């Protein structure tokens, strides 16, 4: 359960990145 929670948190952190930063790159 702890591992699943951490994986979910990683996915959430990845999807919340600013789109403008990606385009600038």
PDBML (XML) file of the C-alpha atoms, coordinates in Angstrom:
<?xml version="1.0" encoding="UTF-8" ?>
<PDBx:datablock datablockName="MODEL"
   xmlns:PDBx="http://pdbml.pdb.org/schema/pdbx-v50.xsd"
   xmlns:xsi="http://www.w3.org/2001/XMLSchema-instance"
   xsi:schemaLocation="http://pdbml.pdb.org/schema/pdbx-v50.xsd pdbx-v50.xsd">
   <PDBx:atom_siteCategory>
      <PDBx:atom_site id="1">
         <PDBx:B_iso_or_equiv>0.00</PDBx:B_iso_or_equiv>
         <PDBx:Cartn_x>0.000</PDBx:Cartn_x>
         <PDBx:Cartn_y>0.000</PDBx:Cartn_y>
         <PDBx:Cartn_z>0.000</PDBx:Cartn_z>
         <PDBx:auth_asym_id>A</PDBx:auth_asym_id>
         <PDBx:auth_atom_id>CA</PDBx:auth_atom_id>
         <PDBx:auth_comp_id>UNK</PDBx:auth_comp_id>
         <PDBx:auth_seq_id>1</PDBx:auth_seq_id>
         <PDBx:group_PDB>ATOM</PDBx:group_PDB>
         <PDBx:label_alt_id xsi:nil="true" />
         <PDBx:label_asym_id>A</PDBx:label_asym_id>
         <PDBx:label_atom_id>CA</PDBx:label_atom_id>
         <PDBx:label_comp_id>UNK</PDBx:label_comp_id>
         <PDBx:label_entity_id>1</PDBx:label_entity_id>
         <PDBx:label_seq_id>1</PDBx:label_seq_id>
         <PDBx:occupancy>1.00</PDBx:occupancy>
         <PDBx:pdbx_PDB_model_num>1</PDBx:pdbx_PDB_model_num>
         <PDBx:type_symbol>C</PDBx:type_symbol>
      </PDBx:atom_site>
      <PDBx:atom_site id="2">
         <PDBx:B_iso_or_equiv>0.00</PDBx:B_iso_or_equiv>
         <PDBx:Cartn_x>2.858</PDBx:Cartn_x>
         <PDBx:Cartn_y>2.389</PDBx:Cartn_y>
         <PDBx:Cartn_z>0.825</PDBx:Cartn_z>
         <PDBx:auth_asym_id>A</PDBx:auth_asym_id>
         <PDBx:auth_atom_id>CA</PDBx:auth_atom_id>
         <PDBx:auth_comp_id>UNK</PDBx:auth_comp_id>
         <PDBx:auth_seq_id>2</PDBx:auth_seq_id>
         <PDBx:group_PDB>ATOM</PDBx:group_PDB>
         <PDBx:label_alt_id xsi:nil="true" />
         <PDBx:label_asym_id>A</PDBx:label_asym_id>
         <PDBx:label_atom_id>CA</PDBx:label_atom_id>
         <PDBx:label_comp_id>UNK</PDBx:label_comp_id>
         <PDBx:label_entity_id>1</PDBx:label_entity_id>
         <PDBx:label_seq_id>2</PDBx:label_seq_id>
         <PDBx:occupancy>1.00</PDBx:occupancy>
         <PDBx:pdbx_PDB_model_num>1</PDBx:pdbx_PDB_model_num>
         <PDBx:type_symbol>C</PDBx:type_symbol>
      </PDBx:atom_site>
      <PDBx:atom_site id="3">
         <PDBx:B_iso_or_equiv>0.00</PDBx:B_iso_or_equiv>
         <PDBx:Cartn_x>4.572</PDBx:Cartn_x>
         <PDBx:Cartn_y>1.627</PDBx:Cartn_y>
         <PDBx:Cartn_z>-2.522</PDBx:Cartn_z>
         <PDBx:auth_asym_id>A</PDBx:auth_asym_id>
         <PDBx:auth_atom_id>CA</PDBx:auth_atom_id>
         <PDBx:auth_comp_id>UNK</PDBx:auth_comp_id>
         <PDBx:auth_seq_id>3</PDBx:auth_seq_id>
         <PDBx:group_PDB>ATOM</PDBx:group_PDB>
         <PDBx:label_alt_id xsi:nil="true" />
         <PDBx:label_asym_id>A</PDBx:label_asym_id>
         <PDBx:label_atom_id>CA</PDBx:label_atom_id>
         <PDBx:label_comp_id>UNK</PDBx:label_comp_id>
         <PDBx:label_entity_id>1</PDBx:label_entity_id>
         <PDBx:label_seq_id>3</PDBx:label_seq_id>
         <PDBx:occupancy>1.00</PDBx:occupancy>
         <PDBx:pdbx_PDB_model_num>1</PDBx:pdbx_PDB_model_num>
         <PDBx:type_symbol>C</PDBx:type_symbol>
      </PDBx:atom_site>
      <PDBx:atom_site id="4">
         <PDBx:B_iso_or_equiv>0.00</PDBx:B_iso_or_equiv>
         <PDBx:Cartn_x>1.341</PDBx:Cartn_x>
         <PDBx:Cartn_y>2.171</PDBx:Cartn_y>
         <PDBx:Cartn_z>-4.450</PDBx:Cartn_z>
         <PDBx:auth_asym_id>A</PDBx:auth_asym_id>
         <PDBx:auth_atom_id>CA</PDBx:auth_atom_id>
         <PDBx:auth_comp_id>UNK</PDBx:auth_comp_id>
         <PDBx:auth_seq_id>4</PDBx:auth_seq_id>
         <PDBx:group_PDB>ATOM</PDBx:group_PDB>
         <PDBx:label_alt_id xsi:nil="true" />
         <PDBx:label_asym_id>A</PDBx:label_asym_id>
         <PDBx:label_atom_id>CA</PDBx:label_atom_id>
         <PDBx:label_comp_id>UNK</PDBx:label_comp_id>
         <PDBx:label_entity_id>1</PDBx:label_entity_id>
         <PDBx:label_seq_id>4</PDBx:label_seq_id>
         <PDBx:occupancy>1.00</PDBx:occupancy>
         <PDBx:pdbx_PDB_model_num>1</PDBx:pdbx_PDB_model_num>
         <PDBx:type_symbol>C</PDBx:type_symbol>
      </PDBx:atom_site>
      <PDBx:atom_site id="5">
         <PDBx:B_iso_or_equiv>0.00</PDBx:B_iso_or_equiv>
         <PDBx:Cartn_x>0.814</PDBx:Cartn_x>
         <PDBx:Cartn_y>5.493</PDBx:Cartn_y>
         <PDBx:Cartn_z>-2.663</PDBx:Cartn_z>
         <PDBx:auth_asym_id>A</PDBx:auth_asym_id>
         <PDBx:auth_atom_id>CA</PDBx:auth_atom_id>
         <PDBx:auth_comp_id>UNK</PDBx:auth_comp_id>
         <PDBx:auth_seq_id>5</PDBx:auth_seq_id>
         <PDBx:group_PDB>ATOM</PDBx:group_PDB>
         <PDBx:label_alt_id xsi:nil="true" />
         <PDBx:label_asym_id>A</PDBx:label_asym_id>
         <PDBx:label_atom_id>CA</PDBx:label_atom_id>
         <PDBx:label_comp_id>UNK</PDBx:label_comp_id>
         <PDBx:label_entity_id>1</PDBx:label_entity_id>
         <PDBx:label_seq_id>5</PDBx:label_seq_id>
         <PDBx:occupancy>1.00</PDBx:occupancy>
         <PDBx:pdbx_PDB_model_num>1</PDBx:pdbx_PDB_model_num>
         <PDBx:type_symbol>C</PDBx:type_symbol>
      </PDBx:atom_site>
      <PDBx:atom_site id="6">
         <PDBx:B_iso_or_equiv>0.00</PDBx:B_iso_or_equiv>
         <PDBx:Cartn_x>4.337</PDBx:Cartn_x>
         <PDBx:Cartn_y>6.644</PDBx:Cartn_y>
         <PDBx:Cartn_z>-3.483</PDBx:Cartn_z>
         <PDBx:auth_asym_id>A</PDBx:auth_asym_id>
         <PDBx:auth_atom_id>CA</PDBx:auth_atom_id>
         <PDBx:auth_comp_id>UNK</PDBx:auth_comp_id>
         <PDBx:auth_seq_id>6</PDBx:auth_seq_id>
         <PDBx:group_PDB>ATOM</PDBx:group_PDB>
         <PDBx:label_alt_id xsi:nil="true" />
         <PDBx:label_asym_id>A</PDBx:label_asym_id>
         <PDBx:label_atom_id>CA</PDBx:label_atom_id>
         <PDBx:label_comp_id>UNK</PDBx:label_comp_id>
         <PDBx:label_entity_id>1</PDBx:label_entity_id>
         <PDBx:label_seq_id>6</PDBx:label_seq_id>
         <PDBx:occupancy>1.00</PDBx:occupancy>
         <PDBx:pdbx_PDB_model_num>1</PDBx:pdbx_PDB_model_num>
         <PDBx:type_symbol>C</PDBx:type_symbol>
      </PDBx:atom_site>
      <PDBx:atom_site id="7">
         <PDBx:B_iso_or_equiv>0.00</PDBx:B_iso_or_equiv>
         <PDBx:Cartn_x>3.945</PDBx:Cartn_x>
         <PDBx:Cartn_y>5.675</PDBx:Cartn_y>
         <PDBx:Cartn_z>-7.182</PDBx:Cartn_z>
         <PDBx:auth_asym_id>A</PDBx:auth_asym_id>
         <PDBx:auth_atom_id>CA</PDBx:auth_atom_id>
         <PDBx:auth_comp_id>UNK</PDBx:auth_comp_id>
         <PDBx:auth_seq_id>7</PDBx:auth_seq_id>
         <PDBx:group_PDB>ATOM</PDBx:group_PDB>
         <PDBx:label_alt_id xsi:nil="true" />
         <PDBx:label_asym_id>A</PDBx:label_asym_id>
         <PDBx:label_atom_id>CA</PDBx:label_atom_id>
         <PDBx:label_comp_id>UNK</PDBx:label_comp_id>
         <PDBx:label_entity_id>1</PDBx:label_entity_id>
         <PDBx:label_seq_id>7</PDBx:label_seq_id>
         <PDBx:occupancy>1.00</PDBx:occupancy>
         <PDBx:pdbx_PDB_model_num>1</PDBx:pdbx_PDB_model_num>
         <PDBx:type_symbol>C</PDBx:type_symbol>
      </PDBx:atom_site>
      <PDBx:atom_site id="8">
         <PDBx:B_iso_or_equiv>0.00</PDBx:B_iso_or_equiv>
         <PDBx:Cartn_x>0.664</PDBx:Cartn_x>
         <PDBx:Cartn_y>7.532</PDBx:Cartn_y>
         <PDBx:Cartn_z>-7.347</PDBx:Cartn_z>
         <PDBx:auth_asym_id>A</PDBx:auth_asym_id>
         <PDBx:auth_atom_id>CA</PDBx:auth_atom_id>
         <PDBx:auth_comp_id>UNK</PDBx:auth_comp_id>
         <PDBx:auth_seq_id>8</PDBx:auth_seq_id>
         <PDBx:group_PDB>ATOM</PDBx:group_PDB>
         <PDBx:label_alt_id xsi:nil="true" />
         <PDBx:label_asym_id>A</PDBx:label_asym_id>
         <PDBx:label_atom_id>CA</PDBx:label_atom_id>
         <PDBx:label_comp_id>UNK</PDBx:label_comp_id>
         <PDBx:label_entity_id>1</PDBx:label_entity_id>
         <PDBx:label_seq_id>8</PDBx:label_seq_id>
         <PDBx:occupancy>1.00</PDBx:occupancy>
         <PDBx:pdbx_PDB_model_num>1</PDBx:pdbx_PDB_model_num>
         <PDBx:type_symbol>C</PDBx:type_symbol>
      </PDBx:atom_site>
      <PDBx:atom_site id="9">
         <PDBx:B_iso_or_equiv>0.00</PDBx:B_iso_or_equiv>
         <PDBx:Cartn_x>2.265</PDBx:Cartn_x>
         <PDBx:Cartn_y>10.569</PDBx:Cartn_y>
         <PDBx:Cartn_z>-5.736</PDBx:Cartn_z>
         <PDBx:auth_asym_id>A</PDBx:auth_asym_id>
         <PDBx:auth_atom_id>CA</PDBx:auth_atom_id>
         <PDBx:auth_comp_id>UNK</PDBx:auth_comp_id>
         <PDBx:auth_seq_id>9</PDBx:auth_seq_id>
         <PDBx:group_PDB>ATOM</PDBx:group_PDB>
         <PDBx:label_alt_id xsi:nil="true" />
         <PDBx:label_asym_id>A</PDBx:label_asym_id>
         <PDBx:label_atom_id>CA</PDBx:label_atom_id>
         <PDBx:label_comp_id>UNK</PDBx:label_comp_id>
         <PDBx:label_entity_id>1</PDBx:label_entity_id>
         <PDBx:label_seq_id>9</PDBx:label_seq_id>
         <PDBx:occupancy>1.00</PDBx:occupancy>
         <PDBx:pdbx_PDB_model_num>1</PDBx:pdbx_PDB_model_num>
         <PDBx:type_symbol>C</PDBx:type_symbol>
      </PDBx:atom_site>
      <PDBx:atom_site id="10">
         <PDBx:B_iso_or_equiv>0.00</PDBx:B_iso_or_equiv>
         <PDBx:Cartn_x>5.086</PDBx:Cartn_x>
         <PDBx:Cartn_y>10.460</PDBx:Cartn_y>
         <PDBx:Cartn_z>-8.319</PDBx:Cartn_z>
         <PDBx:auth_asym_id>A</PDBx:auth_asym_id>
         <PDBx:auth_atom_id>CA</PDBx:auth_atom_id>
         <PDBx:auth_comp_id>UNK</PDBx:auth_comp_id>
         <PDBx:auth_seq_id>10</PDBx:auth_seq_id>
         <PDBx:group_PDB>ATOM</PDBx:group_PDB>
         <PDBx:label_alt_id xsi:nil="true" />
         <PDBx:label_asym_id>A</PDBx:label_asym_id>
         <PDBx:label_atom_id>CA</PDBx:label_atom_id>
         <PDBx:label_comp_id>UNK</PDBx:label_comp_id>
         <PDBx:label_entity_id>1</PDBx:label_entity_id>
         <PDBx:label_seq_id>10</PDBx:label_seq_id>
         <PDBx:occupancy>1.00</PDBx:occupancy>
         <PDBx:pdbx_PDB_model_num>1</PDBx:pdbx_PDB_model_num>
         <PDBx:type_symbol>C</PDBx:type_symbol>
      </PDBx:atom_site>
      <PDBx:atom_site id="11">
         <PDBx:B_iso_or_equiv>0.00</PDBx:B_iso_or_equiv>
         <PDBx:Cartn_x>2.562</PDBx:Cartn_x>
         <PDBx:Cartn_y>10.340</PDBx:Cartn_y>
         <PDBx:Cartn_z>-11.144</PDBx:Cartn_z>
         <PDBx:auth_asym_id>A</PDBx:auth_asym_id>
         <PDBx:auth_atom_id>CA</PDBx:auth_atom_id>
         <PDBx:auth_comp_id>UNK</PDBx:auth_comp_id>
         <PDBx:auth_seq_id>11</PDBx:auth_seq_id>
         <PDBx:group_PDB>ATOM</PDBx:group_PDB>
         <PDBx:label_alt_id xsi:nil="true" />
         <PDBx:label_asym_id>A</PDBx:label_asym_id>
         <PDBx:label_atom_id>CA</PDBx:label_atom_id>
         <PDBx:label_comp_id>UNK</PDBx:label_comp_id>
         <PDBx:label_entity_id>1</PDBx:label_entity_id>
         <PDBx:label_seq_id>11</PDBx:label_seq_id>
         <PDBx:occupancy>1.00</PDBx:occupancy>
         <PDBx:pdbx_PDB_model_num>1</PDBx:pdbx_PDB_model_num>
         <PDBx:type_symbol>C</PDBx:type_symbol>
      </PDBx:atom_site>
      <PDBx:atom_site id="12">
         <PDBx:B_iso_or_equiv>0.00</PDBx:B_iso_or_equiv>
         <PDBx:Cartn_x>0.656</PDBx:Cartn_x>
         <PDBx:Cartn_y>13.254</PDBx:Cartn_y>
         <PDBx:Cartn_z>-9.673</PDBx:Cartn_z>
         <PDBx:auth_asym_id>A</PDBx:auth_asym_id>
         <PDBx:auth_atom_id>CA</PDBx:auth_atom_id>
         <PDBx:auth_comp_id>UNK</PDBx:auth_comp_id>
         <PDBx:auth_seq_id>12</PDBx:auth_seq_id>
         <PDBx:group_PDB>ATOM</PDBx:group_PDB>
         <PDBx:label_alt_id xsi:nil="true" />
         <PDBx:label_asym_id>A</PDBx:label_asym_id>
         <PDBx:label_atom_id>CA</PDBx:label_atom_id>
         <PDBx:label_comp_id>UNK</PDBx:label_comp_id>
         <PDBx:label_entity_id>1</PDBx:label_entity_id>
         <PDBx:label_seq_id>12</PDBx:label_seq_id>
         <PDBx:occupancy>1.00</PDBx:occupancy>
         <PDBx:pdbx_PDB_model_num>1</PDBx:pdbx_PDB_model_num>
         <PDBx:type_symbol>C</PDBx:type_symbol>
      </PDBx:atom_site>
      <PDBx:atom_site id="13">
         <PDBx:B_iso_or_equiv>0.00</PDBx:B_iso_or_equiv>
         <PDBx:Cartn_x>3.846</PDBx:Cartn_x>
         <PDBx:Cartn_y>15.271</PDBx:Cartn_y>
         <PDBx:Cartn_z>-9.316</PDBx:Cartn_z>
         <PDBx:auth_asym_id>A</PDBx:auth_asym_id>
         <PDBx:auth_atom_id>CA</PDBx:auth_atom_id>
         <PDBx:auth_comp_id>UNK</PDBx:auth_comp_id>
         <PDBx:auth_seq_id>13</PDBx:auth_seq_id>
         <PDBx:group_PDB>ATOM</PDBx:group_PDB>
         <PDBx:label_alt_id xsi:nil="true" />
         <PDBx:label_asym_id>A</PDBx:label_asym_id>
         <PDBx:label_atom_id>CA</PDBx:label_atom_id>
         <PDBx:label_comp_id>UNK</PDBx:label_comp_id>
         <PDBx:label_entity_id>1</PDBx:label_entity_id>
         <PDBx:label_seq_id>13</PDBx:label_seq_id>
         <PDBx:occupancy>1.00</PDBx:occupancy>
         <PDBx:pdbx_PDB_model_num>1</PDBx:pdbx_PDB_model_num>
         <PDBx:type_symbol>C</PDBx:type_symbol>
      </PDBx:atom_site>
      <PDBx:atom_site id="14">
         <PDBx:B_iso_or_equiv>0.00</PDBx:B_iso_or_equiv>
         <PDBx:Cartn_x>4.789</PDBx:Cartn_x>
         <PDBx:Cartn_y>14.544</PDBx:Cartn_y>
         <PDBx:Cartn_z>-12.951</PDBx:Cartn_z>
         <PDBx:auth_asym_id>A</PDBx:auth_asym_id>
         <PDBx:auth_atom_id>CA</PDBx:auth_atom_id>
         <PDBx:auth_comp_id>UNK</PDBx:auth_comp_id>
         <PDBx:auth_seq_id>14</PDBx:auth_seq_id>
         <PDBx:group_PDB>ATOM</PDBx:group_PDB>
         <PDBx:label_alt_id xsi:nil="true" />
         <PDBx:label_asym_id>A</PDBx:label_asym_id>
         <PDBx:label_atom_id>CA</PDBx:label_atom_id>
         <PDBx:label_comp_id>UNK</PDBx:label_comp_id>
         <PDBx:label_entity_id>1</PDBx:label_entity_id>
         <PDBx:label_seq_id>14</PDBx:label_seq_id>
         <PDBx:occupancy>1.00</PDBx:occupancy>
         <PDBx:pdbx_PDB_model_num>1</PDBx:pdbx_PDB_model_num>
         <PDBx:type_symbol>C</PDBx:type_symbol>
      </PDBx:atom_site>
      <PDBx:atom_site id="15">
         <PDBx:B_iso_or_equiv>0.00</PDBx:B_iso_or_equiv>
         <PDBx:Cartn_x>1.421</PDBx:Cartn_x>
         <PDBx:Cartn_y>15.534</PDBx:Cartn_y>
         <PDBx:Cartn_z>-14.393</PDBx:Cartn_z>
         <PDBx:auth_asym_id>A</PDBx:auth_asym_id>
         <PDBx:auth_atom_id>CA</PDBx:auth_atom_id>
         <PDBx:auth_comp_id>UNK</PDBx:auth_comp_id>
         <PDBx:auth_seq_id>15</PDBx:auth_seq_id>
         <PDBx:group_PDB>ATOM</PDBx:group_PDB>
         <PDBx:label_alt_id xsi:nil="true" />
         <PDBx:label_asym_id>A</PDBx:label_asym_id>
         <PDBx:label_atom_id>CA</PDBx:label_atom_id>
         <PDBx:label_comp_id>UNK</PDBx:label_comp_id>
         <PDBx:label_entity_id>1</PDBx:label_entity_id>
         <PDBx:label_seq_id>15</PDBx:label_seq_id>
         <PDBx:occupancy>1.00</PDBx:occupancy>
         <PDBx:pdbx_PDB_model_num>1</PDBx:pdbx_PDB_model_num>
         <PDBx:type_symbol>C</PDBx:type_symbol>
      </PDBx:atom_site>
      <PDBx:atom_site id="16">
         <PDBx:B_iso_or_equiv>0.00</PDBx:B_iso_or_equiv>
         <PDBx:Cartn_x>1.322</PDBx:Cartn_x>
         <PDBx:Cartn_y>18.807</PDBx:Cartn_y>
         <PDBx:Cartn_z>-12.453</PDBx:Cartn_z>
         <PDBx:auth_asym_id>A</PDBx:auth_asym_id>
         <PDBx:auth_atom_id>CA</PDBx:auth_atom_id>
         <PDBx:auth_comp_id>UNK</PDBx:auth_comp_id>
         <PDBx:auth_seq_id>16</PDBx:auth_seq_id>
         <PDBx:group_PDB>ATOM</PDBx:group_PDB>
         <PDBx:label_alt_id xsi:nil="true" />
         <PDBx:label_asym_id>A</PDBx:label_asym_id>
         <PDBx:label_atom_id>CA</PDBx:label_atom_id>
         <PDBx:label_comp_id>UNK</PDBx:label_comp_id>
         <PDBx:label_entity_id>1</PDBx:label_entity_id>
         <PDBx:label_seq_id>16</PDBx:label_seq_id>
         <PDBx:occupancy>1.00</PDBx:occupancy>
         <PDBx:pdbx_PDB_model_num>1</PDBx:pdbx_PDB_model_num>
         <PDBx:type_symbol>C</PDBx:type_symbol>
      </PDBx:atom_site>
      <PDBx:atom_site id="17">
         <PDBx:B_iso_or_equiv>0.00</PDBx:B_iso_or_equiv>
         <PDBx:Cartn_x>4.397</PDBx:Cartn_x>
         <PDBx:Cartn_y>20.275</PDBx:Cartn_y>
         <PDBx:Cartn_z>-14.244</PDBx:Cartn_z>
         <PDBx:auth_asym_id>A</PDBx:auth_asym_id>
         <PDBx:auth_atom_id>CA</PDBx:auth_atom_id>
         <PDBx:auth_comp_id>UNK</PDBx:auth_comp_id>
         <PDBx:auth_seq_id>17</PDBx:auth_seq_id>
         <PDBx:group_PDB>ATOM</PDBx:group_PDB>
         <PDBx:label_alt_id xsi:nil="true" />
         <PDBx:label_asym_id>A</PDBx:label_asym_id>
         <PDBx:label_atom_id>CA</PDBx:label_atom_id>
         <PDBx:label_comp_id>UNK</PDBx:label_comp_id>
         <PDBx:label_entity_id>1</PDBx:label_entity_id>
         <PDBx:label_seq_id>17</PDBx:label_seq_id>
         <PDBx:occupancy>1.00</PDBx:occupancy>
         <PDBx:pdbx_PDB_model_num>1</PDBx:pdbx_PDB_model_num>
         <PDBx:type_symbol>C</PDBx:type_symbol>
      </PDBx:atom_site>
      <PDBx:atom_site id="18">
         <PDBx:B_iso_or_equiv>0.00</PDBx:B_iso_or_equiv>
         <PDBx:Cartn_x>3.904</PDBx:Cartn_x>
         <PDBx:Cartn_y>23.777</PDBx:Cartn_y>
         <PDBx:Cartn_z>-15.893</PDBx:Cartn_z>
         <PDBx:auth_asym_id>A</PDBx:auth_asym_id>
         <PDBx:auth_atom_id>CA</PDBx:auth_atom_id>
         <PDBx:auth_comp_id>UNK</PDBx:auth_comp_id>
         <PDBx:auth_seq_id>18</PDBx:auth_seq_id>
         <PDBx:group_PDB>ATOM</PDBx:group_PDB>
         <PDBx:label_alt_id xsi:nil="true" />
         <PDBx:label_asym_id>A</PDBx:label_asym_id>
         <PDBx:label_atom_id>CA</PDBx:label_atom_id>
         <PDBx:label_comp_id>UNK</PDBx:label_comp_id>
         <PDBx:label_entity_id>1</PDBx:label_entity_id>
         <PDBx:label_seq_id>18</PDBx:label_seq_id>
         <PDBx:occupancy>1.00</PDBx:occupancy>
         <PDBx:pdbx_PDB_model_num>1</PDBx:pdbx_PDB_model_num>
         <PDBx:type_symbol>C</PDBx:type_symbol>
      </PDBx:atom_site>
      <PDBx:atom_site id="19">
         <PDBx:B_iso_or_equiv>0.00</PDBx:B_iso_or_equiv>
         <PDBx:Cartn_x>3.194</PDBx:Cartn_x>
         <PDBx:Cartn_y>23.387</PDBx:Cartn_y>
         <PDBx:Cartn_z>-19.731</PDBx:Cartn_z>
         <PDBx:auth_asym_id>A</PDBx:auth_asym_id>
         <PDBx:auth_atom_id>CA</PDBx:auth_atom_id>
         <PDBx:auth_comp_id>UNK</PDBx:auth_comp_id>
         <PDBx:auth_seq_id>19</PDBx:auth_seq_id>
         <PDBx:group_PDB>ATOM</PDBx:group_PDB>
         <PDBx:label_alt_id xsi:nil="true" />
         <PDBx:label_asym_id>A</PDBx:label_asym_id>
         <PDBx:label_atom_id>CA</PDBx:label_atom_id>
         <PDBx:label_comp_id>UNK</PDBx:label_comp_id>
         <PDBx:label_entity_id>1</PDBx:label_entity_id>
         <PDBx:label_seq_id>19</PDBx:label_seq_id>
         <PDBx:occupancy>1.00</PDBx:occupancy>
         <PDBx:pdbx_PDB_model_num>1</PDBx:pdbx_PDB_model_num>
         <PDBx:type_symbol>C</PDBx:type_symbol>
      </PDBx:atom_site>
      <PDBx:atom_site id="20">
         <PDBx:B_iso_or_equiv>0.00</PDBx:B_iso_or_equiv>
         <PDBx:Cartn_x>4.996</PDBx:Cartn_x>
         <PDBx:Cartn_y>26.653</PDBx:Cartn_y>
         <PDBx:Cartn_z>-20.413</PDBx:Cartn_z>
         <PDBx:auth_asym_id>A</PDBx:auth_asym_id>
         <PDBx:auth_atom_id>CA</PDBx:auth_atom_id>
         <PDBx:auth_comp_id>UNK</PDBx:auth_comp_id>
         <PDBx:auth_seq_id>20</PDBx:auth_seq_id>
         <PDBx:group_PDB>ATOM</PDBx:group_PDB>
         <PDBx:label_alt_id xsi:nil="true" />
         <PDBx:label_asym_id>A</PDBx:label_asym_id>
         <PDBx:label_atom_id>CA</PDBx:label_atom_id>
         <PDBx:label_comp_id>UNK</PDBx:label_comp_id>
         <PDBx:label_entity_id>1</PDBx:label_entity_id>
         <PDBx:label_seq_id>20</PDBx:label_seq_id>
         <PDBx:occupancy>1.00</PDBx:occupancy>
         <PDBx:pdbx_PDB_model_num>1</PDBx:pdbx_PDB_model_num>
         <PDBx:type_symbol>C</PDBx:type_symbol>
      </PDBx:atom_site>
      <PDBx:atom_site id="21">
         <PDBx:B_iso_or_equiv>0.00</PDBx:B_iso_or_equiv>
         <PDBx:Cartn_x>8.206</PDBx:Cartn_x>
         <PDBx:Cartn_y>25.280</PDBx:Cartn_y>
         <PDBx:Cartn_z>-19.026</PDBx:Cartn_z>
         <PDBx:auth_asym_id>A</PDBx:auth_asym_id>
         <PDBx:auth_atom_id>CA</PDBx:auth_atom_id>
         <PDBx:auth_comp_id>UNK</PDBx:auth_comp_id>
         <PDBx:auth_seq_id>21</PDBx:auth_seq_id>
         <PDBx:group_PDB>ATOM</PDBx:group_PDB>
         <PDBx:label_alt_id xsi:nil="true" />
         <PDBx:label_asym_id>A</PDBx:label_asym_id>
         <PDBx:label_atom_id>CA</PDBx:label_atom_id>
         <PDBx:label_comp_id>UNK</PDBx:label_comp_id>
         <PDBx:label_entity_id>1</PDBx:label_entity_id>
         <PDBx:label_seq_id>21</PDBx:label_seq_id>
         <PDBx:occupancy>1.00</PDBx:occupancy>
         <PDBx:pdbx_PDB_model_num>1</PDBx:pdbx_PDB_model_num>
         <PDBx:type_symbol>C</PDBx:type_symbol>
      </PDBx:atom_site>
      <PDBx:atom_site id="22">
         <PDBx:B_iso_or_equiv>0.00</PDBx:B_iso_or_equiv>
         <PDBx:Cartn_x>7.990</PDBx:Cartn_x>
         <PDBx:Cartn_y>22.303</PDBx:Cartn_y>
         <PDBx:Cartn_z>-21.371</PDBx:Cartn_z>
         <PDBx:auth_asym_id>A</PDBx:auth_asym_id>
         <PDBx:auth_atom_id>CA</PDBx:auth_atom_id>
         <PDBx:auth_comp_id>UNK</PDBx:auth_comp_id>
         <PDBx:auth_seq_id>22</PDBx:auth_seq_id>
         <PDBx:group_PDB>ATOM</PDBx:group_PDB>
         <PDBx:label_alt_id xsi:nil="true" />
         <PDBx:label_asym_id>A</PDBx:label_asym_id>
         <PDBx:label_atom_id>CA</PDBx:label_atom_id>
         <PDBx:label_comp_id>UNK</PDBx:label_comp_id>
         <PDBx:label_entity_id>1</PDBx:label_entity_id>
         <PDBx:label_seq_id>22</PDBx:label_seq_id>
         <PDBx:occupancy>1.00</PDBx:occupancy>
         <PDBx:pdbx_PDB_model_num>1</PDBx:pdbx_PDB_model_num>
         <PDBx:type_symbol>C</PDBx:type_symbol>
      </PDBx:atom_site>
      <PDBx:atom_site id="23">
         <PDBx:B_iso_or_equiv>0.00</PDBx:B_iso_or_equiv>
         <PDBx:Cartn_x>7.444</PDBx:Cartn_x>
         <PDBx:Cartn_y>24.554</PDBx:Cartn_y>
         <PDBx:Cartn_z>-24.418</PDBx:Cartn_z>
         <PDBx:auth_asym_id>A</PDBx:auth_asym_id>
         <PDBx:auth_atom_id>CA</PDBx:auth_atom_id>
         <PDBx:auth_comp_id>UNK</PDBx:auth_comp_id>
         <PDBx:auth_seq_id>23</PDBx:auth_seq_id>
         <PDBx:group_PDB>ATOM</PDBx:group_PDB>
         <PDBx:label_alt_id xsi:nil="true" />
         <PDBx:label_asym_id>A</PDBx:label_asym_id>
         <PDBx:label_atom_id>CA</PDBx:label_atom_id>
         <PDBx:label_comp_id>UNK</PDBx:label_comp_id>
         <PDBx:label_entity_id>1</PDBx:label_entity_id>
         <PDBx:label_seq_id>23</PDBx:label_seq_id>
         <PDBx:occupancy>1.00</PDBx:occupancy>
         <PDBx:pdbx_PDB_model_num>1</PDBx:pdbx_PDB_model_num>
         <PDBx:type_symbol>C</PDBx:type_symbol>
      </PDBx:atom_site>
      <PDBx:atom_site id="24">
         <PDBx:B_iso_or_equiv>0.00</PDBx:B_iso_or_equiv>
         <PDBx:Cartn_x>10.285</PDBx:Cartn_x>
         <PDBx:Cartn_y>26.861</PDBx:Cartn_y>
         <PDBx:Cartn_z>-23.414</PDBx:Cartn_z>
         <PDBx:auth_asym_id>A</PDBx:auth_asym_id>
         <PDBx:auth_atom_id>CA</PDBx:auth_atom_id>
         <PDBx:auth_comp_id>UNK</PDBx:auth_comp_id>
         <PDBx:auth_seq_id>24</PDBx:auth_seq_id>
         <PDBx:group_PDB>ATOM</PDBx:group_PDB>
         <PDBx:label_alt_id xsi:nil="true" />
         <PDBx:label_asym_id>A</PDBx:label_asym_id>
         <PDBx:label_atom_id>CA</PDBx:label_atom_id>
         <PDBx:label_comp_id>UNK</PDBx:label_comp_id>
         <PDBx:label_entity_id>1</PDBx:label_entity_id>
         <PDBx:label_seq_id>24</PDBx:label_seq_id>
         <PDBx:occupancy>1.00</PDBx:occupancy>
         <PDBx:pdbx_PDB_model_num>1</PDBx:pdbx_PDB_model_num>
         <PDBx:type_symbol>C</PDBx:type_symbol>
      </PDBx:atom_site>
      <PDBx:atom_site id="25">
         <PDBx:B_iso_or_equiv>0.00</PDBx:B_iso_or_equiv>
         <PDBx:Cartn_x>12.572</PDBx:Cartn_x>
         <PDBx:Cartn_y>23.893</PDBx:Cartn_y>
         <PDBx:Cartn_z>-23.238</PDBx:Cartn_z>
         <PDBx:auth_asym_id>A</PDBx:auth_asym_id>
         <PDBx:auth_atom_id>CA</PDBx:auth_atom_id>
         <PDBx:auth_comp_id>UNK</PDBx:auth_comp_id>
         <PDBx:auth_seq_id>25</PDBx:auth_seq_id>
         <PDBx:group_PDB>ATOM</PDBx:group_PDB>
         <PDBx:label_alt_id xsi:nil="true" />
         <PDBx:label_asym_id>A</PDBx:label_asym_id>
         <PDBx:label_atom_id>CA</PDBx:label_atom_id>
         <PDBx:label_comp_id>UNK</PDBx:label_comp_id>
         <PDBx:label_entity_id>1</PDBx:label_entity_id>
         <PDBx:label_seq_id>25</PDBx:label_seq_id>
         <PDBx:occupancy>1.00</PDBx:occupancy>
         <PDBx:pdbx_PDB_model_num>1</PDBx:pdbx_PDB_model_num>
         <PDBx:type_symbol>C</PDBx:type_symbol>
      </PDBx:atom_site>
   </PDBx:atom_siteCategory>
</PDBx:datablock>
